[in-house]
Amino acid sequence: MPPSIPPRDLLAKENRYAKLLKAGTVTTRTLLEEAEHDVRTRWQMYEKLASNSANTKPSQKK
């Protein structure tokens, strides 16, 4: 299950970021898009790591 709260909503709850979001500058939009992309990319990586570890057998220690 991917993150339940989008980065935009999470950041909007903090005053320092809410002011930037309200300003609506190109830089703010660009940084927000990059943050959202990063969240999706990290989530996909974590899912892949989890599926790889579920498919491998634990090593046997002697």
C-alpha atoms as a PDB file:
ATOM      1  CA  MET A   1       0.000   0.000   0.000  1.00  0.00           C
ATOM      2  CA  PRO A   2       1.585   3.332  -1.045  1.00  0.00           C
ATOM      3  CA  PRO A   3       1.778   6.275   1.363  1.00  0.00           C
ATOM      4  CA  SER A   4      -1.713   7.411   2.330  1.00  0.00           C
ATOM      5  CA  ILE A   5      -0.947  11.132   2.531  1.00  0.00           C
ATOM      6  CA  PRO A   6       0.341  12.934  -0.561  1.00  0.00           C
ATOM      7  CA  PRO A   7       3.451  15.081   0.057  1.00  0.00           C
ATOM      8  CA  ARG A   8       1.485  18.228  -0.837  1.00  0.00           C
ATOM      9  CA  ASP A   9      -1.045  17.582   1.955  1.00  0.00           C
ATOM     10  CA  LEU A  10       1.645  16.669   4.454  1.00  0.00           C
ATOM     11  CA  LEU A  11       3.674  19.808   3.736  1.00  0.00           C
ATOM     12  CA  ALA A  12       0.582  22.027   3.809  1.00  0.00           C
ATOM     13  CA  LYS A  13       0.169  21.215   7.508  1.00  0.00           C
ATOM     14  CA  GLU A  14       3.444  22.957   8.374  1.00  0.00           C
ATOM     15  CA  ASN A  15       3.417  26.761   8.312  1.00  0.00           C
ATOM     16  CA  ARG A  16       6.841  27.162   6.744  1.00  0.00           C
ATOM     17  CA  TYR A  17       5.806  25.032   3.763  1.00  0.00           C
ATOM     18  CA  ALA A  18       2.193  26.200   3.654  1.00  0.00           C
ATOM     19  CA  LYS A  19       3.373  29.753   2.972  1.00  0.00           C
ATOM     20  CA  LEU A  20       5.481  28.533   0.062  1.00  0.00           C
ATOM     21  CA  LEU A  21       2.585  26.510  -1.352  1.00  0.00           C
ATOM     22  CA  LYS A  22       0.267  29.523  -1.127  1.00  0.00           C
ATOM     23  CA  ALA A  23       2.829  31.664  -2.959  1.00  0.00           C
ATOM     24  CA  GLY A  24       2.596  29.269  -5.890  1.00  0.00           C
ATOM     25  CA  THR A  25       5.939  30.152  -7.432  1.00  0.00           C
ATOM     26  CA  VAL A  26       7.482  28.095 -10.202  1.00  0.00           C
ATOM     27  CA  THR A  27      10.272  27.046  -7.852  1.00  0.00           C
ATOM     28  CA  THR A  28       7.774  25.824  -5.262  1.00  0.00           C
ATOM     29  CA  ARG A  29       5.847  23.818  -7.859  1.00  0.00           C
ATOM     30  CA  THR A  30       9.060  22.329  -9.228  1.00  0.00           C
ATOM     31  CA  LEU A  31      10.309  21.313  -5.782  1.00  0.00           C
ATOM     32  CA  LEU A  32       6.930  19.809  -4.910  1.00  0.00           C
ATOM     33  CA  GLU A  33       6.865  17.791  -8.134  1.00  0.00           C
ATOM     34  CA  GLU A  34      10.384  16.535  -7.388  1.00  0.00           C
ATOM     35  CA  ALA A  35       9.360  15.570  -3.844  1.00  0.00           C
ATOM     36  CA  GLU A  36       6.311  13.678  -5.129  1.00  0.00           C
ATOM     37  CA  HIS A  37       8.467  11.885  -7.694  1.00  0.00           C
ATOM     38  CA  ASP A  38      10.978  10.994  -4.984  1.00  0.00           C
ATOM     39  CA  VAL A  39       8.230   9.530  -2.784  1.00  0.00           C
ATOM     40  CA  ARG A  40       6.955   7.354  -5.651  1.00  0.00           C
ATOM     41  CA  THR A  41      10.476   6.225  -6.576  1.00  0.00           C
ATOM     42  CA  ARG A  42      11.384   5.343  -2.995  1.00  0.00           C
ATOM     43  CA  TRP A  43       8.120   3.467  -2.515  1.00  0.00           C
ATOM     44  CA  GLN A  44       8.764   1.408  -5.637  1.00  0.00           C
ATOM     45  CA  MET A  45      12.291   0.644  -4.407  1.00  0.00           C
ATOM     46  CA  TYR A  46      10.991  -0.470  -0.995  1.00  0.00           C
ATOM     47  CA  GLU A  47       8.375  -2.697  -2.644  1.00  0.00           C
ATOM     48  CA  LYS A  48      11.054  -4.273  -4.832  1.00  0.00           C
ATOM     49  CA  LEU A  49      13.350  -4.858  -1.852  1.00  0.00           C
ATOM     50  CA  ALA A  50      10.488  -6.393   0.110  1.00  0.00           C
ATOM     51  CA  SER A  51       9.545  -8.736  -2.723  1.00  0.00           C
ATOM     52  CA  ASN A  52      13.187  -9.757  -3.215  1.00  0.00           C
ATOM     53  CA  SER A  53      13.640 -10.557   0.461  1.00  0.00           C
ATOM     54  CA  ALA A  54      10.384 -12.530   0.497  1.00  0.00           C
ATOM     55  CA  ASN A  55      11.605 -14.649  -2.419  1.00  0.00           C
ATOM     56  CA  THR A  56      15.023 -15.496  -1.002  1.00  0.00           C
ATOM     57  CA  LYS A  57      15.751 -18.183   1.541  1.00  0.00           C
ATOM     58  CA  PRO A  58      17.660 -17.252   4.669  1.00  0.00           C
ATOM     59  CA  SER A  59      21.291 -18.313   4.562  1.00  0.00           C
ATOM     60  CA  GLN A  60      22.190 -21.320   6.643  1.00  0.00           C
ATOM     61  CA  LYS A  61      24.918 -20.752   9.201  1.00  0.00           C
ATOM     62  CA  LYS A  62      27.323 -23.566  10.022  1.00  0.00           C
END
